Amino acid sequence: VVVSPVAMVLMILHWNKMFVYFVPSFGFYCYSKMMEFWENRFEHEGTEVIENEEIMNSGGVWCLKVKKETVESPGQYVKISIPSLPISAIKPSHPYTISSPPSSPHLRILYRHNPSP
């Protein structure tokens, strides 16, 4: 919080030298946000949810099983959005880790959901 305003002042004072570093970074940031917007806006075909169950004695960890549409491997991340679940259960912009073996016909995604009392 304190460093950010100081960094902005230093960038303004040294604009001619900082320009070489700032423009590519800012351009990449804008490009990545534009691609994220494109994916969220136009590529929502969806997939079939097979099962959503709580893992017993796990402290609120749930397993979401969905139909595998593409080839993914364990450790990769997916972003999910499920309108029928409460917003507190699934955070739409959070990346979730795939925890299913490559040979499985389904993707298993683990997430923690602690409902408020």
Protein backbone atom coordinates (compact mmCIF):
# COMPACT_ATOMS: atom_id res chain seq x y z
CA VAL A 1 0.00 0.00 0.00
CA VAL A 2 2.82 2.40 0.83
CA VAL A 3 5.16 1.32 -1.96
CA SER A 4 2.64 1.76 -4.77
CA PRO A 5 2.32 5.57 -4.57
CA VAL A 6 6.10 5.88 -4.24
CA ALA A 7 6.56 3.67 -7.30
CA MET A 8 4.11 5.81 -9.28
CA VAL A 9 6.00 9.00 -8.36
CA LEU A 10 9.31 7.42 -9.37
CA MET A 11 7.79 6.22 -12.66
CA ILE A 12 6.57 9.74 -13.44
CA LEU A 13 9.97 11.26 -12.61
CA HIS A 14 11.81 8.73 -14.78
CA TRP A 15 9.20 8.32 -17.52
CA ASN A 16 11.62 8.30 -20.46
CA LYS A 17 13.61 5.35 -19.01
CA MET A 18 10.65 3.54 -17.50
CA PHE A 19 8.67 3.60 -20.75
CA VAL A 20 10.65 0.61 -22.09
CA TYR A 21 9.57 -1.54 -19.15
CA PHE A 22 6.07 -0.23 -18.54
CA VAL A 23 4.55 -0.41 -22.02
CA PRO A 24 5.21 -4.14 -22.70
CA SER A 25 3.97 -5.11 -19.23
CA PHE A 26 0.86 -2.97 -19.53
CA GLY A 27 0.25 -4.29 -23.05
CA PHE A 28 0.49 -7.89 -21.86
CA TYR A 29 -1.88 -7.13 -18.97
CA CYS A 30 -4.45 -5.59 -21.34
CA TYR A 31 -4.11 -8.51 -23.77
CA SER A 32 -4.61 -11.12 -21.03
CA LYS A 33 -7.69 -9.31 -19.67
CA MET A 34 -9.10 -9.04 -23.19
CA MET A 35 -8.61 -12.80 -23.73
CA GLU A 36 -10.22 -13.56 -20.36
CA PHE A 37 -13.19 -11.36 -21.28
CA TRP A 38 -13.47 -13.11 -24.65
CA GLU A 39 -13.49 -16.56 -23.05
CA ASN A 40 -16.04 -15.55 -20.41
CA ARG A 41 -18.30 -13.73 -22.84
CA PHE A 42 -18.39 -15.87 -25.96
CA GLU A 43 -17.19 -19.38 -25.16
CA HIS A 44 -19.74 -20.61 -22.62
CA GLU A 45 -20.89 -23.89 -24.05
CA GLY A 46 -20.88 -25.59 -20.68
CA THR A 47 -20.47 -29.22 -19.74
CA GLU A 48 -22.47 -31.84 -17.92
CA VAL A 49 -22.19 -32.08 -14.13
CA ILE A 50 -22.21 -35.78 -13.25
CA GLU A 51 -22.01 -35.61 -9.47
CA ASN A 52 -21.37 -33.20 -6.61
CA GLU A 53 -20.74 -34.87 -3.29
CA GLU A 54 -19.15 -34.04 0.04
CA ILE A 55 -16.11 -36.09 0.98
CA MET A 56 -16.75 -37.59 4.40
CA ASN A 57 -14.59 -36.42 7.34
CA SER A 58 -12.78 -33.88 5.15
CA GLY A 59 -13.78 -30.66 6.87
CA GLY A 60 -16.05 -29.36 4.12
CA VAL A 61 -14.24 -30.58 0.98
CA TRP A 62 -16.54 -31.43 -1.92
CA CYS A 63 -15.83 -33.33 -5.13
CA LEU A 64 -17.40 -32.01 -8.32
CA LYS A 65 -17.40 -34.57 -11.13
CA VAL A 66 -18.01 -33.23 -14.66
CA LYS A 67 -17.91 -34.74 -18.13
CA LYS A 68 -14.44 -34.45 -19.69
CA GLU A 69 -14.60 -32.41 -22.89
CA THR A 70 -10.87 -32.04 -23.61
CA VAL A 71 -7.63 -33.69 -22.56
CA GLU A 72 -6.48 -32.42 -19.19
CA SER A 73 -4.01 -33.87 -16.76
CA PRO A 74 -3.79 -33.77 -12.96
CA GLY A 75 -2.33 -30.56 -11.61
CA GLN A 76 -3.75 -28.35 -14.36
CA TYR A 77 -6.27 -25.68 -13.44
CA VAL A 78 -9.80 -24.96 -14.60
CA LYS A 79 -12.14 -22.08 -13.91
CA ILE A 80 -15.72 -23.06 -13.26
CA SER A 81 -19.03 -21.30 -12.90
CA ILE A 82 -22.15 -23.10 -11.74
CA PRO A 83 -25.20 -20.82 -11.56
CA SER A 84 -27.30 -23.35 -9.60
CA LEU A 85 -24.87 -23.42 -6.66
CA PRO A 86 -24.74 -20.58 -4.14
CA ILE A 87 -22.10 -17.96 -4.94
CA SER A 88 -20.35 -18.75 -1.65
CA ALA A 89 -19.80 -22.38 -2.71
CA ILE A 90 -17.90 -21.80 -5.96
CA LYS A 91 -15.86 -18.67 -6.69
CA PRO A 92 -16.15 -18.17 -10.47
CA SER A 93 -12.78 -16.53 -11.03
CA HIS A 94 -10.76 -18.88 -8.81
CA PRO A 95 -8.66 -21.58 -10.53
CA TYR A 96 -9.44 -25.10 -9.31
CA THR A 97 -7.01 -28.01 -9.52
CA ILE A 98 -7.93 -31.10 -11.53
CA SER A 99 -7.59 -34.20 -9.37
CA SER A 100 -8.61 -37.01 -11.73
CA PRO A 101 -6.32 -39.43 -13.60
CA PRO A 102 -5.88 -38.85 -17.36
CA SER A 103 -7.60 -42.15 -18.22
CA SER A 104 -10.81 -41.18 -16.40
CA PRO A 105 -13.82 -40.13 -18.53
CA HIS A 106 -14.67 -37.45 -15.94
CA LEU A 107 -12.90 -34.50 -14.37
CA ARG A 108 -12.83 -34.43 -10.58
CA ILE A 109 -12.46 -30.99 -9.07
CA LEU A 110 -12.08 -30.59 -5.32
CA TYR A 111 -13.29 -27.45 -3.58
CA ARG A 112 -13.92 -26.43 0.01
CA HIS A 113 -17.37 -25.26 1.04
CA ASN A 114 -18.11 -24.39 4.63
CA PRO A 115 -21.72 -23.22 4.77
CA SER A 116 -22.38 -20.49 7.27
CA PRO A 117 -24.56 -21.57 10.22
